[in-house]
Amino acid sequence: METFLELLREILKGIVRETSAFIFRKNILEHKKTTPRRHKHKGGSQK
C-alpha cells in the first residue's frame, strides 16, 4: 500500500511539473516579441 502511494505521488508530481512548464512556456516565452516593430509611414502630405 505504501509503495502504491509513493508511485501515485511521483505520477502526480510529474503531471504537475509538466503542466506548470507548459503554462510557463505558453504565457511567458511565446508572448515575447521576436523582432522590434517599426512604425508604418503615413502617406500624403504632412504638416
N, C-alpha and C. Protein backbone atom coordinates (compact mmCIF):
# COMPACT_ATOMS: atom_id res chain seq x y z
N MET A 1 0.84 -1.21 0.00
CA MET A 1 0.00 0.00 0.00
C MET A 1 0.87 1.25 0.00
N GLU A 2 1.94 1.21 0.78
CA GLU A 2 2.82 2.38 0.87
C GLU A 2 3.54 2.64 -0.46
N THR A 3 3.97 1.56 -1.12
CA THR A 3 4.64 1.74 -2.41
C THR A 3 3.68 2.27 -3.47
N PHE A 4 2.41 1.87 -3.39
CA PHE A 4 1.41 2.38 -4.31
C PHE A 4 1.22 3.88 -4.13
N LEU A 5 1.20 4.33 -2.85
CA LEU A 5 1.05 5.76 -2.59
C LEU A 5 2.26 6.55 -3.07
N GLU A 6 3.45 5.98 -2.92
CA GLU A 6 4.65 6.66 -3.43
C GLU A 6 4.61 6.76 -4.94
N LEU A 7 4.18 5.69 -5.59
CA LEU A 7 4.07 5.69 -7.05
C LEU A 7 3.06 6.74 -7.50
N LEU A 8 1.92 6.79 -6.83
CA LEU A 8 0.90 7.77 -7.16
C LEU A 8 1.41 9.19 -6.94
N ARG A 9 2.15 9.40 -5.87
CA ARG A 9 2.71 10.72 -5.58
C ARG A 9 3.70 11.14 -6.66
N GLU A 10 4.53 10.23 -7.11
CA GLU A 10 5.50 10.55 -8.16
C GLU A 10 4.81 10.86 -9.49
N ILE A 11 3.75 10.12 -9.79
CA ILE A 11 3.00 10.38 -11.02
C ILE A 11 2.36 11.77 -10.96
N LEU A 12 1.76 12.10 -9.83
CA LEU A 12 1.14 13.42 -9.69
C LEU A 12 2.18 14.53 -9.75
N LYS A 13 3.34 14.30 -9.16
CA LYS A 13 4.41 15.30 -9.22
C LYS A 13 4.83 15.56 -10.66
N GLY A 14 4.95 14.50 -11.45
CA GLY A 14 5.32 14.65 -12.85
C GLY A 14 4.27 15.39 -13.64
N ILE A 15 2.99 15.08 -13.37
CA ILE A 15 1.91 15.78 -14.08
C ILE A 15 1.91 17.26 -13.75
N VAL A 16 2.06 17.59 -12.47
CA VAL A 16 2.08 19.00 -12.06
C VAL A 16 3.27 19.72 -12.66
N ARG A 17 4.42 19.06 -12.69
CA ARG A 17 5.63 19.67 -13.24
C ARG A 17 5.46 19.95 -14.73
N GLU A 18 4.95 18.98 -15.48
CA GLU A 18 4.76 19.17 -16.91
C GLU A 18 3.71 20.24 -17.21
N THR A 19 2.64 20.26 -16.42
CA THR A 19 1.60 21.25 -16.63
C THR A 19 2.11 22.66 -16.36
N SER A 20 2.84 22.82 -15.28
CA SER A 20 3.36 24.16 -14.96
C SER A 20 4.39 24.60 -15.99
N ALA A 21 5.20 23.67 -16.50
CA ALA A 21 6.18 24.03 -17.54
C ALA A 21 5.46 24.44 -18.82
N PHE A 22 4.38 23.75 -19.16
CA PHE A 22 3.61 24.10 -20.36
C PHE A 22 3.00 25.48 -20.23
N ILE A 23 2.41 25.77 -19.06
CA ILE A 23 1.78 27.07 -18.84
C ILE A 23 2.83 28.17 -18.86
N PHE A 24 3.97 27.93 -18.22
CA PHE A 24 5.06 28.92 -18.22
C PHE A 24 5.52 29.21 -19.64
N ARG A 25 5.72 28.14 -20.40
CA ARG A 25 6.21 28.31 -21.77
C ARG A 25 5.19 29.06 -22.61
N LYS A 26 3.92 28.74 -22.45
CA LYS A 26 2.88 29.36 -23.27
C LYS A 26 2.68 30.83 -22.90
N ASN A 27 2.65 31.14 -21.60
CA ASN A 27 2.34 32.50 -21.17
C ASN A 27 3.52 33.45 -21.27
N ILE A 28 4.71 32.99 -20.97
CA ILE A 28 5.84 33.91 -20.86
C ILE A 28 6.72 33.88 -22.10
N LEU A 29 7.12 32.72 -22.53
CA LEU A 29 8.12 32.65 -23.59
C LEU A 29 7.55 32.94 -24.97
N GLU A 30 6.31 32.53 -25.24
CA GLU A 30 5.78 32.71 -26.58
C GLU A 30 5.25 34.12 -26.83
N HIS A 31 4.98 34.89 -25.79
CA HIS A 31 4.44 36.24 -25.99
C HIS A 31 5.53 37.29 -26.13
N LYS A 32 6.77 36.88 -26.10
CA LYS A 32 7.86 37.82 -26.28
C LYS A 32 7.94 38.20 -27.76
N LYS A 33 8.12 39.48 -28.05
CA LYS A 33 8.24 39.90 -29.43
C LYS A 33 9.61 39.47 -29.96
N THR A 34 9.61 38.80 -31.09
CA THR A 34 10.87 38.30 -31.62
C THR A 34 11.65 39.40 -32.33
N THR A 35 10.96 40.28 -33.06
CA THR A 35 11.65 41.37 -33.74
C THR A 35 10.99 42.68 -33.35
N PRO A 36 11.76 43.73 -33.20
CA PRO A 36 11.15 45.02 -32.87
C PRO A 36 10.31 45.53 -34.04
N ARG A 37 9.16 46.05 -33.72
CA ARG A 37 8.24 46.52 -34.76
C ARG A 37 8.60 47.96 -35.15
N ARG A 38 8.44 48.25 -36.44
CA ARG A 38 8.67 49.60 -36.93
C ARG A 38 7.33 50.26 -37.21
N HIS A 39 7.26 51.56 -36.97
CA HIS A 39 6.03 52.28 -37.25
C HIS A 39 5.83 52.41 -38.76
N LYS A 40 4.58 52.33 -39.18
CA LYS A 40 4.30 52.48 -40.59
C LYS A 40 4.36 53.95 -40.96
N HIS A 41 4.92 54.23 -42.11
CA HIS A 41 4.98 55.62 -42.59
C HIS A 41 3.64 55.99 -43.19
N LYS A 42 3.15 57.16 -42.82
CA LYS A 42 1.88 57.61 -43.37
C LYS A 42 2.15 58.33 -44.70
N GLY A 43 1.31 58.02 -45.65
CA GLY A 43 1.46 58.65 -46.96
C GLY A 43 0.77 60.00 -46.99
N GLY A 44 1.01 60.74 -48.05
CA GLY A 44 0.36 62.04 -48.21
C GLY A 44 1.20 63.16 -47.65
N SER A 45 0.63 64.33 -47.64
CA SER A 45 1.40 65.50 -47.18
C SER A 45 1.27 65.63 -45.67
N GLN A 46 2.35 65.90 -45.03
CA GLN A 46 2.38 66.07 -43.57
C GLN A 46 2.61 67.55 -43.27
N LYS A 47 1.89 68.08 -42.31
CA LYS A 47 2.06 69.49 -41.95
C LYS A 47 2.84 69.61 -40.67
